[in-house]
Full PDB file with SEQRES, HELIX, SHEET, SSBOND, CRYST1, ORIGX, SCALE, CONECT and MASTER records, all heavy atoms in Angstrom:
SEQRES   1 A   40  THR GLY GLY ILE THR ASP GLY ILE MET LYS ILE ASN LEU          
SEQRES   2 A   40  GLU PRO GLY TRP ARG MET THR LYS ARG THR TYR ASN GLY          
SEQRES   3 A   40  GLN THR LEU GLY HIS ILE TYR PHE THR ASN ASP SER SER          
SEQRES   4 A   40  GLU                                                          
SHEET    1 AA1 2 ARG A  18  TYR A  24  0                                        
SHEET    2 AA1 2 GLN A  27  THR A  35 -1                                        
CRYST1    1.000    1.000    1.000  90.00  90.00  90.00 P 1           1          
ORIGX1      1.000000  0.000000  0.000000        0.00000                         
ORIGX2      0.000000  1.000000  0.000000        0.00000                         
ORIGX3      0.000000  0.000000  1.000000        0.00000                         
SCALE1      1.000000  0.000000  0.000000        0.00000                         
SCALE2      0.000000  1.000000  0.000000        0.00000                         
SCALE3      0.000000  0.000000  1.000000        0.00000                         
ATOM      1  N   THR A   1     -45.922   3.669 -25.005  1.00  0.00           N  
ATOM      2  CA  THR A   1     -45.647   4.257 -26.473  1.00  0.00           C  
ATOM      3  C   THR A   1     -46.602   3.618 -27.523  1.00  0.00           C  
ATOM      4  O   THR A   1     -46.555   4.055 -28.624  1.00  0.00           O  
ATOM      5  CB  THR A   1     -44.328   3.803 -26.815  1.00  0.00           C  
ATOM      6  OG1 THR A   1     -44.031   2.287 -26.626  1.00  0.00           O  
ATOM      7  CG2 THR A   1     -43.231   4.395 -25.827  1.00  0.00           C  
ATOM      8  N   GLY A   2     -47.234   2.439 -27.119  1.00  0.00           N  
ATOM      9  CA  GLY A   2     -48.110   1.844 -28.197  1.00  0.00           C  
ATOM     10  C   GLY A   2     -47.448   0.875 -29.061  1.00  0.00           C  
ATOM     11  O   GLY A   2     -47.816   0.532 -30.161  1.00  0.00           O  
ATOM     12  N   GLY A   3     -46.202   0.507 -28.672  1.00  0.00           N  
ATOM     13  CA  GLY A   3     -45.338  -0.361 -29.509  1.00  0.00           C  
ATOM     14  C   GLY A   3     -43.990  -0.117 -29.292  1.00  0.00           C  
ATOM     15  O   GLY A   3     -43.602   0.834 -28.495  1.00  0.00           O  
ATOM     16  N   ILE A   4     -43.050  -0.819 -30.072  1.00  0.00           N  
ATOM     17  CA  ILE A   4     -41.598  -0.594 -29.892  1.00  0.00           C  
ATOM     18  C   ILE A   4     -41.014  -0.553 -31.123  1.00  0.00           C  
ATOM     19  O   ILE A   4     -41.259  -1.261 -32.039  1.00  0.00           O  
ATOM     20  CB  ILE A   4     -41.071  -1.695 -28.977  1.00  0.00           C  
ATOM     21  CG1 ILE A   4     -41.508  -1.737 -27.495  1.00  0.00           C  
ATOM     22  CG2 ILE A   4     -39.415  -1.541 -28.941  1.00  0.00           C  
ATOM     23  CD1 ILE A   4     -40.956  -2.768 -26.714  1.00  0.00           C  
ATOM     24  N   THR A   5     -40.109   0.442 -31.381  1.00  0.00           N  
ATOM     25  CA  THR A   5     -39.405   0.589 -32.565  1.00  0.00           C  
ATOM     26  C   THR A   5     -37.990   1.161 -32.063  1.00  0.00           C  
ATOM     27  O   THR A   5     -37.751   1.593 -30.964  1.00  0.00           O  
ATOM     28  CB  THR A   5     -40.079   1.569 -33.544  1.00  0.00           C  
ATOM     29  OG1 THR A   5     -39.344   1.482 -34.794  1.00  0.00           O  
ATOM     30  CG2 THR A   5     -40.179   2.921 -33.028  1.00  0.00           C  
ATOM     31  N   ASP A   6     -36.944   1.242 -33.118  1.00  0.00           N  
ATOM     32  CA  ASP A   6     -35.777   1.920 -32.934  1.00  0.00           C  
ATOM     33  C   ASP A   6     -35.881   3.336 -32.785  1.00  0.00           C  
ATOM     34  O   ASP A   6     -36.807   3.904 -33.384  1.00  0.00           O  
ATOM     35  CB  ASP A   6     -34.724   1.514 -34.052  1.00  0.00           C  
ATOM     36  CG  ASP A   6     -34.389   0.059 -34.102  1.00  0.00           C  
ATOM     37  OD1 ASP A   6     -34.541  -0.587 -33.012  1.00  0.00           O  
ATOM     38  OD2 ASP A   6     -34.201  -0.466 -35.071  1.00  0.00           O  
ATOM     39  N   GLY A   7     -35.033   3.961 -32.116  1.00  0.00           N  
ATOM     40  CA  GLY A   7     -35.096   5.450 -31.964  1.00  0.00           C  
ATOM     41  C   GLY A   7     -35.858   5.912 -30.842  1.00  0.00           C  
ATOM     42  O   GLY A   7     -36.407   5.280 -29.946  1.00  0.00           O  
ATOM     43  N   ILE A   8     -36.189   7.267 -30.766  1.00  0.00           N  
ATOM     44  CA  ILE A   8     -36.893   7.918 -29.714  1.00  0.00           C  
ATOM     45  C   ILE A   8     -38.346   7.797 -30.006  1.00  0.00           C  
ATOM     46  O   ILE A   8     -38.909   8.081 -31.166  1.00  0.00           O  
ATOM     47  CB  ILE A   8     -36.532   9.363 -29.682  1.00  0.00           C  
ATOM     48  CG1 ILE A   8     -34.962   9.467 -29.379  1.00  0.00           C  
ATOM     49  CG2 ILE A   8     -37.263  10.131 -28.618  1.00  0.00           C  
ATOM     50  CD1 ILE A   8     -34.427  10.934 -29.471  1.00  0.00           C  
ATOM     51  N   MET A   9     -39.185   7.403 -28.932  1.00  0.00           N  
ATOM     52  CA  MET A   9     -40.573   7.273 -29.050  1.00  0.00           C  
ATOM     53  C   MET A   9     -41.431   8.123 -28.144  1.00  0.00           C  
ATOM     54  O   MET A   9     -40.973   8.417 -27.054  1.00  0.00           O  
ATOM     55  CB  MET A   9     -40.901   5.804 -28.777  1.00  0.00           C  
ATOM     56  CG  MET A   9     -40.273   4.729 -29.621  1.00  0.00           C  
ATOM     57  SD  MET A   9     -40.695   2.981 -29.085  1.00  0.00           S  
ATOM     58  CE  MET A   9     -39.746   2.782 -27.644  1.00  0.00           C  
ATOM     59  N   LYS A  10     -42.688   8.491 -28.753  1.00  0.00           N  
ATOM     60  CA  LYS A  10     -43.433   9.411 -27.952  1.00  0.00           C  
ATOM     61  C   LYS A  10     -44.181   8.480 -26.881  1.00  0.00           C  
ATOM     62  O   LYS A  10     -44.624   7.394 -27.132  1.00  0.00           O  
ATOM     63  CB  LYS A  10     -44.419  10.105 -28.845  1.00  0.00           C  
ATOM     64  CG  LYS A  10     -45.414  10.909 -28.101  1.00  0.00           C  
ATOM     65  CD  LYS A  10     -46.467  11.487 -29.084  1.00  0.00           C  
ATOM     66  CE  LYS A  10     -47.501  12.324 -28.323  1.00  0.00           C  
ATOM     67  NZ  LYS A  10     -48.544  12.916 -29.172  1.00  0.00           N  
ATOM     68  N   ILE A  11     -44.351   9.050 -25.622  1.00  0.00           N  
ATOM     69  CA  ILE A  11     -45.121   8.343 -24.625  1.00  0.00           C  
ATOM     70  C   ILE A  11     -46.479   9.052 -24.438  1.00  0.00           C  
ATOM     71  O   ILE A  11     -46.563  10.270 -24.313  1.00  0.00           O  
ATOM     72  CB  ILE A  11     -44.382   8.448 -23.210  1.00  0.00           C  
ATOM     73  CG1 ILE A  11     -43.026   7.870 -23.288  1.00  0.00           C  
ATOM     74  CG2 ILE A  11     -45.320   7.861 -22.156  1.00  0.00           C  
ATOM     75  CD1 ILE A  11     -42.154   8.038 -22.159  1.00  0.00           C  
ATOM     76  N   ASN A  12     -47.577   8.272 -24.765  1.00  0.00           N  
ATOM     77  CA  ASN A  12     -48.999   8.808 -24.697  1.00  0.00           C  
ATOM     78  C   ASN A  12     -49.396   8.476 -23.221  1.00  0.00           C  
ATOM     79  O   ASN A  12     -49.323   7.266 -22.806  1.00  0.00           O  
ATOM     80  CB  ASN A  12     -49.837   8.009 -25.711  1.00  0.00           C  
ATOM     81  CG  ASN A  12     -49.307   8.146 -27.070  1.00  0.00           C  
ATOM     82  OD1 ASN A  12     -49.413   9.308 -27.601  1.00  0.00           O  
ATOM     83  ND2 ASN A  12     -48.823   7.149 -27.684  1.00  0.00           N  
ATOM     84  N   LEU A  13     -49.949   9.614 -22.593  1.00  0.00           N  
ATOM     85  CA  LEU A  13     -50.329   9.440 -21.224  1.00  0.00           C  
ATOM     86  C   LEU A  13     -51.732   8.705 -21.248  1.00  0.00           C  
ATOM     87  O   LEU A  13     -52.499   8.941 -21.974  1.00  0.00           O  
ATOM     88  CB  LEU A  13     -50.429  10.786 -20.524  1.00  0.00           C  
ATOM     89  CG  LEU A  13     -49.062  11.600 -20.468  1.00  0.00           C  
ATOM     90  CD1 LEU A  13     -49.413  12.865 -19.693  1.00  0.00           C  
ATOM     91  CD2 LEU A  13     -47.927  10.712 -19.897  1.00  0.00           C  
ATOM     92  N   GLU A  14     -51.885   7.950 -20.165  1.00  0.00           N  
ATOM     93  CA  GLU A  14     -53.135   7.283 -19.876  1.00  0.00           C  
ATOM     94  C   GLU A  14     -54.218   8.295 -19.607  1.00  0.00           C  
ATOM     95  O   GLU A  14     -53.849   9.368 -19.019  1.00  0.00           O  
ATOM     96  CB  GLU A  14     -53.105   6.272 -18.748  1.00  0.00           C  
ATOM     97  CG  GLU A  14     -52.048   5.113 -18.978  1.00  0.00           C  
ATOM     98  CD  GLU A  14     -52.817   4.203 -19.978  1.00  0.00           C  
ATOM     99  OE1 GLU A  14     -53.864   3.744 -19.837  1.00  0.00           O  
ATOM    100  OE2 GLU A  14     -52.089   3.848 -20.914  1.00  0.00           O  
ATOM    101  N   PRO A  15     -55.543   7.963 -19.778  1.00  0.00           N  
ATOM    102  CA  PRO A  15     -56.669   8.859 -19.422  1.00  0.00           C  
ATOM    103  C   PRO A  15     -56.543   9.346 -18.050  1.00  0.00           C  
ATOM    104  O   PRO A  15     -56.299   8.497 -17.033  1.00  0.00           O  
ATOM    105  CB  PRO A  15     -57.889   8.015 -19.677  1.00  0.00           C  
ATOM    106  CG  PRO A  15     -57.379   7.041 -20.747  1.00  0.00           C  
ATOM    107  CD  PRO A  15     -55.980   6.749 -20.494  1.00  0.00           C  
ATOM    108  N   GLY A  16     -56.681  10.579 -17.763  1.00  0.00           N  
ATOM    109  CA  GLY A  16     -56.658  11.075 -16.348  1.00  0.00           C  
ATOM    110  C   GLY A  16     -55.285  11.608 -15.972  1.00  0.00           C  
ATOM    111  O   GLY A  16     -55.109  12.397 -14.958  1.00  0.00           O  
ATOM    112  N   TRP A  17     -54.281  11.303 -16.794  1.00  0.00           N  
ATOM    113  CA  TRP A  17     -53.029  11.880 -16.467  1.00  0.00           C  
ATOM    114  C   TRP A  17     -52.672  13.123 -17.513  1.00  0.00           C  
ATOM    115  O   TRP A  17     -53.120  13.118 -18.520  1.00  0.00           O  
ATOM    116  CB  TRP A  17     -51.886  10.795 -16.772  1.00  0.00           C  
ATOM    117  CG  TRP A  17     -51.831   9.814 -15.726  1.00  0.00           C  
ATOM    118  CD1 TRP A  17     -52.445   8.526 -15.796  1.00  0.00           C  
ATOM    119  CD2 TRP A  17     -51.132   9.770 -14.439  1.00  0.00           C  
ATOM    120  NE1 TRP A  17     -52.182   7.813 -14.577  1.00  0.00           N  
ATOM    121  CE2 TRP A  17     -51.351   8.628 -13.861  1.00  0.00           C  
ATOM    122  CE3 TRP A  17     -50.355  10.754 -13.809  1.00  0.00           C  
ATOM    123  CZ2 TRP A  17     -50.819   8.299 -12.580  1.00  0.00           C  
ATOM    124  CZ3 TRP A  17     -49.780  10.498 -12.570  1.00  0.00           C  
ATOM    125  CH2 TRP A  17     -49.988   9.290 -12.072  1.00  0.00           C  
ATOM    126  N   ARG A  18     -51.856  14.060 -16.920  1.00  0.00           N  
ATOM    127  CA  ARG A  18     -51.560  15.240 -17.611  1.00  0.00           C  
ATOM    128  C   ARG A  18     -50.219  15.803 -17.125  1.00  0.00           C  
ATOM    129  O   ARG A  18     -49.862  15.354 -15.931  1.00  0.00           O  
ATOM    130  CB  ARG A  18     -52.569  16.231 -17.642  1.00  0.00           C  
ATOM    131  CG  ARG A  18     -52.837  16.945 -16.281  1.00  0.00           C  
ATOM    132  CD  ARG A  18     -54.144  17.747 -16.262  1.00  0.00           C  
ATOM    133  NE  ARG A  18     -54.289  18.523 -15.007  1.00  0.00           N  
ATOM    134  CZ  ARG A  18     -54.767  17.971 -13.856  1.00  0.00           C  
ATOM    135  NH1 ARG A  18     -55.196  16.648 -13.815  1.00  0.00           N  
ATOM    136  NH2 ARG A  18     -54.930  18.702 -12.791  1.00  0.00           N  
ATOM    137  N   MET A  19     -49.643  16.795 -17.694  1.00  0.00           N  
ATOM    138  CA  MET A  19     -48.515  17.405 -17.158  1.00  0.00           C  
ATOM    139  C   MET A  19     -48.785  18.702 -16.551  1.00  0.00           C  
ATOM    140  O   MET A  19     -49.676  19.474 -17.111  1.00  0.00           O  
ATOM    141  CB  MET A  19     -47.339  17.482 -18.200  1.00  0.00           C  
ATOM    142  CG  MET A  19     -46.800  16.236 -18.696  1.00  0.00           C  
ATOM    143  SD  MET A  19     -45.324  16.384 -19.685  1.00  0.00           S  
ATOM    144  CE  MET A  19     -45.767  15.202 -21.008  1.00  0.00           C  
ATOM    145  N   THR A  20     -48.246  19.111 -15.416  1.00  0.00           N  
ATOM    146  CA  THR A  20     -48.403  20.357 -14.785  1.00  0.00           C  
ATOM    147  C   THR A  20     -47.070  20.841 -14.364  1.00  0.00           C  
ATOM    148  O   THR A  20     -46.078  20.154 -14.347  1.00  0.00           O  
ATOM    149  CB  THR A  20     -49.365  20.388 -13.645  1.00  0.00           C  
ATOM    150  OG1 THR A  20     -48.765  19.479 -12.613  1.00  0.00           O  
ATOM    151  CG2 THR A  20     -50.679  19.792 -14.020  1.00  0.00           C  
ATOM    152  N   LYS A  21     -46.910  22.074 -13.975  1.00  0.00           N  
ATOM    153  CA  LYS A  21     -45.711  22.737 -13.400  1.00  0.00           C  
ATOM    154  C   LYS A  21     -45.785  22.845 -11.828  1.00  0.00           C  
ATOM    155  O   LYS A  21     -46.842  23.139 -11.362  1.00  0.00           O  
ATOM    156  CB  LYS A  21     -45.415  24.076 -14.069  1.00  0.00           C  
ATOM    157  CG  LYS A  21     -44.870  24.066 -15.480  1.00  0.00           C  
ATOM    158  CD  LYS A  21     -43.369  23.615 -15.436  1.00  0.00           C  
ATOM    159  CE  LYS A  21     -42.654  23.767 -16.760  1.00  0.00           C  
ATOM    160  NZ  LYS A  21     -42.310  25.264 -16.967  1.00  0.00           N  
ATOM    161  N   ARG A  22     -44.671  22.651 -11.256  1.00  0.00           N  
ATOM    162  CA  ARG A  22     -44.670  22.784  -9.757  1.00  0.00           C  
ATOM    163  C   ARG A  22     -44.609  24.226  -9.436  1.00  0.00           C  
ATOM    164  O   ARG A  22     -43.958  25.023 -10.191  1.00  0.00           O  
ATOM    165  CB  ARG A  22     -43.475  22.115  -9.247  1.00  0.00           C  
ATOM    166  CG  ARG A  22     -43.121  22.341  -7.819  1.00  0.00           C  
ATOM    167  CD  ARG A  22     -41.866  21.782  -7.266  1.00  0.00           C  
ATOM    168  NE  ARG A  22     -41.949  20.503  -7.084  1.00  0.00           N  
ATOM    169  CZ  ARG A  22     -40.959  19.416  -6.732  1.00  0.00           C  
ATOM    170  NH1 ARG A  22     -39.661  20.020  -6.666  1.00  0.00           N  
ATOM    171  NH2 ARG A  22     -41.111  18.162  -6.501  1.00  0.00           N  
ATOM    172  N   THR A  23     -45.237  24.609  -8.398  1.00  0.00           N  
ATOM    173  CA  THR A  23     -45.211  25.980  -7.864  1.00  0.00           C  
ATOM    174  C   THR A  23     -44.745  26.039  -6.401  1.00  0.00           C  
ATOM    175  O   THR A  23     -44.988  25.153  -5.732  1.00  0.00           O  
ATOM    176  CB  THR A  23     -46.551  26.809  -8.025  1.00  0.00           C  
ATOM    177  OG1 THR A  23     -47.559  26.140  -7.217  1.00  0.00           O  
ATOM    178  CG2 THR A  23     -47.112  26.774  -9.455  1.00  0.00           C  
ATOM    179  N   TYR A  24     -44.331  27.168  -6.004  1.00  0.00           N  
ATOM    180  CA  TYR A  24     -43.827  27.384  -4.630  1.00  0.00           C  
ATOM    181  C   TYR A  24     -44.041  28.883  -4.266  1.00  0.00           C  
ATOM    182  O   TYR A  24     -43.395  29.716  -4.974  1.00  0.00           O  
ATOM    183  CB  TYR A  24     -42.421  26.923  -4.392  1.00  0.00           C  
ATOM    184  CG  TYR A  24     -41.927  27.096  -2.985  1.00  0.00           C  
ATOM    185  CD1 TYR A  24     -42.566  26.412  -1.960  1.00  0.00           C  
ATOM    186  CD2 TYR A  24     -41.010  27.988  -2.651  1.00  0.00           C  
ATOM    187  CE1 TYR A  24     -42.198  26.522  -0.537  1.00  0.00           C  
ATOM    188  CE2 TYR A  24     -40.564  28.246  -1.364  1.00  0.00           C  
ATOM    189  CZ  TYR A  24     -41.182  27.514  -0.348  1.00  0.00           C  
ATOM    190  OH  TYR A  24     -40.849  27.511   1.041  1.00  0.00           O  
ATOM    191  N   ASN A  25     -44.907  29.127  -3.221  1.00  0.00           N  
ATOM    192  CA  ASN A  25     -45.137  30.509  -2.897  1.00  0.00           C  
ATOM    193  C   ASN A  25     -45.563  31.380  -4.054  1.00  0.00           C  
ATOM    194  O   ASN A  25     -45.096  32.498  -4.192  1.00  0.00           O  
ATOM    195  CB  ASN A  25     -43.857  31.175  -2.282  1.00  0.00           C  
ATOM    196  CG  ASN A  25     -43.623  30.634  -0.794  1.00  0.00           C  
ATOM    197  OD1 ASN A  25     -44.537  30.134  -0.077  1.00  0.00           O  
ATOM    198  ND2 ASN A  25     -42.465  30.830  -0.255  1.00  0.00           N  
ATOM    199  N   GLY A  26     -46.333  30.739  -4.873  1.00  0.00           N  
ATOM    200  CA  GLY A  26     -46.970  31.576  -6.013  1.00  0.00           C  
ATOM    201  C   GLY A  26     -45.943  31.615  -7.155  1.00  0.00           C  
ATOM    202  O   GLY A  26     -46.409  32.188  -8.250  1.00  0.00           O  
ATOM    203  N   GLN A  27     -44.819  31.138  -7.133  1.00  0.00           N  
ATOM    204  CA  GLN A  27     -43.813  31.123  -8.229  1.00  0.00           C  
ATOM    205  C   GLN A  27     -43.743  29.859  -8.994  1.00  0.00           C  
ATOM    206  O   GLN A  27     -43.801  28.828  -8.407  1.00  0.00           O  
ATOM    207  CB  GLN A  27     -42.407  31.494  -7.777  1.00  0.00           C  
ATOM    208  CG  GLN A  27     -41.442  31.526  -8.762  1.00  0.00           C  
ATOM    209  CD  GLN A  27     -39.966  31.838  -8.262  1.00  0.00           C  
ATOM    210  OE1 GLN A  27     -39.855  32.002  -6.907  1.00  0.00           O  
ATOM    211  NE2 GLN A  27     -38.887  31.969  -9.052  1.00  0.00           N  
ATOM    212  N   THR A  28     -43.921  29.938 -10.308  1.00  0.00           N  
ATOM    213  CA  THR A  28     -43.770  28.714 -11.143  1.00  0.00           C  
ATOM    214  C   THR A  28     -42.388  28.275 -11.312  1.00  0.00           C  
ATOM    215  O   THR A  28     -41.496  28.993 -11.732  1.00  0.00           O  
ATOM    216  CB  THR A  28     -44.490  29.000 -12.506  1.00  0.00           C  
ATOM    217  OG1 THR A  28     -45.820  29.436 -12.308  1.00  0.00           O  
ATOM    218  CG2 THR A  28     -44.438  27.727 -13.346  1.00  0.00           C  
ATOM    219  N   LEU A  29     -42.158  26.926 -10.955  1.00  0.00           N  
ATOM    220  CA  LEU A  29     -40.823  26.389 -11.091  1.00  0.00           C  
ATOM    221  C   LEU A  29     -40.712  25.558 -12.456  1.00  0.00           C  
ATOM    222  O   LEU A  29     -41.661  25.306 -13.162  1.00  0.00           O  
ATOM    223  CB  LEU A  29     -40.593  25.535  -9.870  1.00  0.00           C  
ATOM    224  CG  LEU A  29     -40.714  26.138  -8.426  1.00  0.00           C  
ATOM    225  CD1 LEU A  29     -40.465  25.097  -7.419  1.00  0.00           C  
ATOM    226  CD2 LEU A  29     -39.901  27.487  -8.358  1.00  0.00           C  
ATOM    227  N   GLY A  30     -39.501  25.223 -12.679  1.00  0.00           N  
ATOM    228  CA  GLY A  30     -39.267  24.409 -13.897  1.00  0.00           C  
ATOM    229  C   GLY A  30     -39.623  22.984 -13.769  1.00  0.00           C  
ATOM    230  O   GLY A  30     -39.727  22.211 -14.763  1.00  0.00           O  
ATOM    231  N   HIS A  31     -39.840  22.483 -12.611  1.00  0.00           N  
ATOM    232  CA  HIS A  31     -40.121  21.060 -12.284  1.00  0.00           C  
ATOM    233  C   HIS A  31     -41.535  20.633 -12.942  1.00  0.00           C  
ATOM    234  O   HIS A  31     -42.456  21.426 -12.770  1.00  0.00           O  
ATOM    235  CB  HIS A  31     -40.095  20.677 -10.783  1.00  0.00           C  
ATOM    236  CG  HIS A  31     -40.104  19.392 -10.442  1.00  0.00           C  
ATOM    237  ND1 HIS A  31     -38.944  18.584 -10.220  1.00  0.00           N  
ATOM    238  CD2 HIS A  31     -41.155  18.456 -10.228  1.00  0.00           C  
ATOM    239  CE1 HIS A  31     -39.271  17.325  -9.985  1.00  0.00           C  
ATOM    240  NE2 HIS A  31     -40.563  17.267  -9.919  1.00  0.00           N  
ATOM    241  N   ILE A  32     -41.538  19.509 -13.480  1.00  0.00           N  
ATOM    242  CA  ILE A  32     -42.740  18.999 -14.273  1.00  0.00           C  
ATOM    243  C   ILE A  32     -43.358  17.830 -13.501  1.00  0.00           C  
ATOM    244  O   ILE A  32     -42.551  16.973 -13.151  1.00  0.00           O  
ATOM    245  CB  ILE A  32     -42.516  18.697 -15.680  1.00  0.00           C  
ATOM    246  CG1 ILE A  32     -41.970  19.880 -16.349  1.00  0.00           C  
ATOM    247  CG2 ILE A  32     -43.685  18.186 -16.334  1.00  0.00           C  
ATOM    248  CD1 ILE A  32     -41.325  19.570 -17.737  1.00  0.00           C  
ATOM    249  N   TYR A  33     -44.655  17.967 -13.205  1.00  0.00           N  
ATOM    250  CA  TYR A  33     -45.359  16.855 -12.623  1.00  0.00           C  
ATOM    251  C   TYR A  33     -46.170  16.002 -13.692  1.00  0.00           C  
ATOM    252  O   TYR A  33     -46.762  16.563 -14.580  1.00  0.00           O  
ATOM    253  CB  TYR A  33     -46.494  17.398 -11.661  1.00  0.00           C  
ATOM    254  CG  TYR A  33     -45.971  17.893 -10.422  1.00  0.00           C  
ATOM    255  CD1 TYR A  33     -46.341  19.195  -9.901  1.00  0.00           C  
ATOM    256  CD2 TYR A  33     -45.099  17.199  -9.551  1.00  0.00           C  
ATOM    257  CE1 TYR A  33     -46.039  19.700  -8.717  1.00  0.00           C  
ATOM    258  CE2 TYR A  33     -44.722  17.628  -8.323  1.00  0.00           C  
ATOM    259  CZ  TYR A  33     -45.121  18.897  -7.872  1.00  0.00           C  
ATOM    260  OH  TYR A  33     -44.737  19.354  -6.655  1.00  0.00           O  
ATOM    261  N   PHE A  34     -46.131  14.624 -13.438  1.00  0.00           N  
ATOM    262  CA  PHE A  34     -47.219  13.841 -14.101  1.00  0.00           C  
ATOM    263  C   PHE A  34     -48.309  13.783 -13.174  1.00  0.00           C  
ATOM    264  O   PHE A  34     -48.174  13.119 -11.903  1.00  0.00           O  
ATOM    265  CB  PHE A  34     -46.585  12.335 -14.347  1.00  0.00           C  
ATOM    266  CG  PHE A  34     -45.618  12.431 -15.480  1.00  0.00           C  
ATOM    267  CD1 PHE A  34     -44.191  12.385 -15.217  1.00  0.00           C  
ATOM    268  CD2 PHE A  34     -45.876  12.303 -16.831  1.00  0.00           C  
ATOM    269  CE1 PHE A  34     -43.256  12.310 -16.249  1.00  0.00           C  
ATOM    270  CE2 PHE A  34     -44.976  12.281 -17.853  1.00  0.00           C  
ATOM    271  CZ  PHE A  34     -43.742  12.303 -17.648  1.00  0.00           C  
ATOM    272  N   THR A  35     -49.330  14.448 -13.488  1.00  0.00           N  
ATOM    273  CA  THR A  35     -50.380  14.687 -12.498  1.00  0.00           C  
ATOM    274  C   THR A  35     -51.669  13.910 -12.730  1.00  0.00           C  
ATOM    275  O   THR A  35     -52.104  13.754 -13.951  1.00  0.00           O  
ATOM    276  CB  THR A  35     -50.790  16.178 -12.562  1.00  0.00           C  
ATOM    277  OG1 THR A  35     -49.516  16.936 -12.275  1.00  0.00           O  
ATOM    278  CG2 THR A  35     -51.932  16.633 -11.534  1.00  0.00           C  
ATOM    279  N   ASN A  36     -52.266  13.377 -11.701  1.00  0.00           N  
ATOM    280  CA  ASN A  36     -53.523  12.735 -11.751  1.00  0.00           C  
ATOM    281  C   ASN A  36     -54.427  13.171 -10.552  1.00  0.00           C  
ATOM    282  O   ASN A  36     -53.879  13.178  -9.349  1.00  0.00           O  
ATOM    283  CB  ASN A  36     -53.435  11.263 -11.802  1.00  0.00           C  
ATOM    284  CG  ASN A  36     -54.666  10.578 -12.248  1.00  0.00           C  
ATOM    285  OD1 ASN A  36     -55.748  10.905 -11.773  1.00  0.00           O  
ATOM    286  ND2 ASN A  36     -54.545   9.767 -13.268  1.00  0.00           N  
ATOM    287  N   ASP A  37     -55.624  13.605 -10.724  1.00  0.00           N  
ATOM    288  CA  ASP A  37     -56.357  14.103  -9.588  1.00  0.00           C  
ATOM    289  C   ASP A  37     -56.962  13.118  -8.736  1.00  0.00           C  
ATOM    290  O   ASP A  37     -57.592  13.309  -7.686  1.00  0.00           O  
ATOM    291  CB  ASP A  37     -57.412  15.039 -10.050  1.00  0.00           C  
ATOM    292  CG  ASP A  37     -56.857  16.422 -10.806  1.00  0.00           C  
ATOM    293  OD1 ASP A  37     -55.827  16.875 -10.309  1.00  0.00           O  
ATOM    294  OD2 ASP A  37     -57.515  16.772 -11.714  1.00  0.00           O  
ATOM    295  N   SER A  38     -56.975  11.913  -9.160  1.00  0.00           N  
ATOM    296  CA  SER A  38     -57.606  10.667  -8.411  1.00  0.00           C  
ATOM    297  C   SER A  38     -56.518   9.817  -7.856  1.00  0.00           C  
ATOM    298  O   SER A  38     -55.307   9.887  -8.116  1.00  0.00           O  
ATOM    299  CB  SER A  38     -58.308   9.863  -9.398  1.00  0.00           C  
ATOM    300  OG  SER A  38     -58.880   8.704  -8.815  1.00  0.00           O  
ATOM    301  N   SER A  39     -56.905   9.169  -6.810  1.00  0.00           N  
ATOM    302  CA  SER A  39     -56.027   8.244  -6.056  1.00  0.00           C  
ATOM    303  C   SER A  39     -56.363   6.782  -6.510  1.00  0.00           C  
ATOM    304  O   SER A  39     -55.581   5.798  -6.161  1.00  0.00           O  
ATOM    305  CB  SER A  39     -56.145   8.404  -4.586  1.00  0.00           C  
ATOM    306  OG  SER A  39     -57.561   8.123  -4.104  1.00  0.00           O  
ATOM    307  N   GLU A  40     -57.337   6.698  -7.235  1.00  0.00           N  
ATOM    308  CA  GLU A  40     -57.796   5.329  -7.756  1.00  0.00           C  
ATOM    309  C   GLU A  40     -57.239   5.234  -9.261  1.00  0.00           C  
ATOM    310  O   GLU A  40     -57.892   5.707 -10.156  1.00  0.00           O  
ATOM    311  CB  GLU A  40     -59.341   5.179  -7.791  1.00  0.00           C  
ATOM    312  CG  GLU A  40     -59.901   5.210  -6.417  1.00  0.00           C  
ATOM    313  CD  GLU A  40     -59.429   4.150  -5.523  1.00  0.00           C  
ATOM    314  OE1 GLU A  40     -59.326   2.989  -5.962  1.00  0.00           O  
ATOM    315  OE2 GLU A  40     -59.356   4.359  -4.264  1.00  0.00           O  
TER     316      GLU A  40                                                      
MASTER        0    0    0    0    2    0    0    6  315    1    0    4          
END                                                                             
């Protein structure tokens, strides 16, 4: 979050991380991934 305060805070993703949607048999599902293409 870059700090702490009262209330709801935005989470900033680290470099290399992004959000994607899960798919199955070509169909897009509602499940969301925190995705990184690297294992390092």
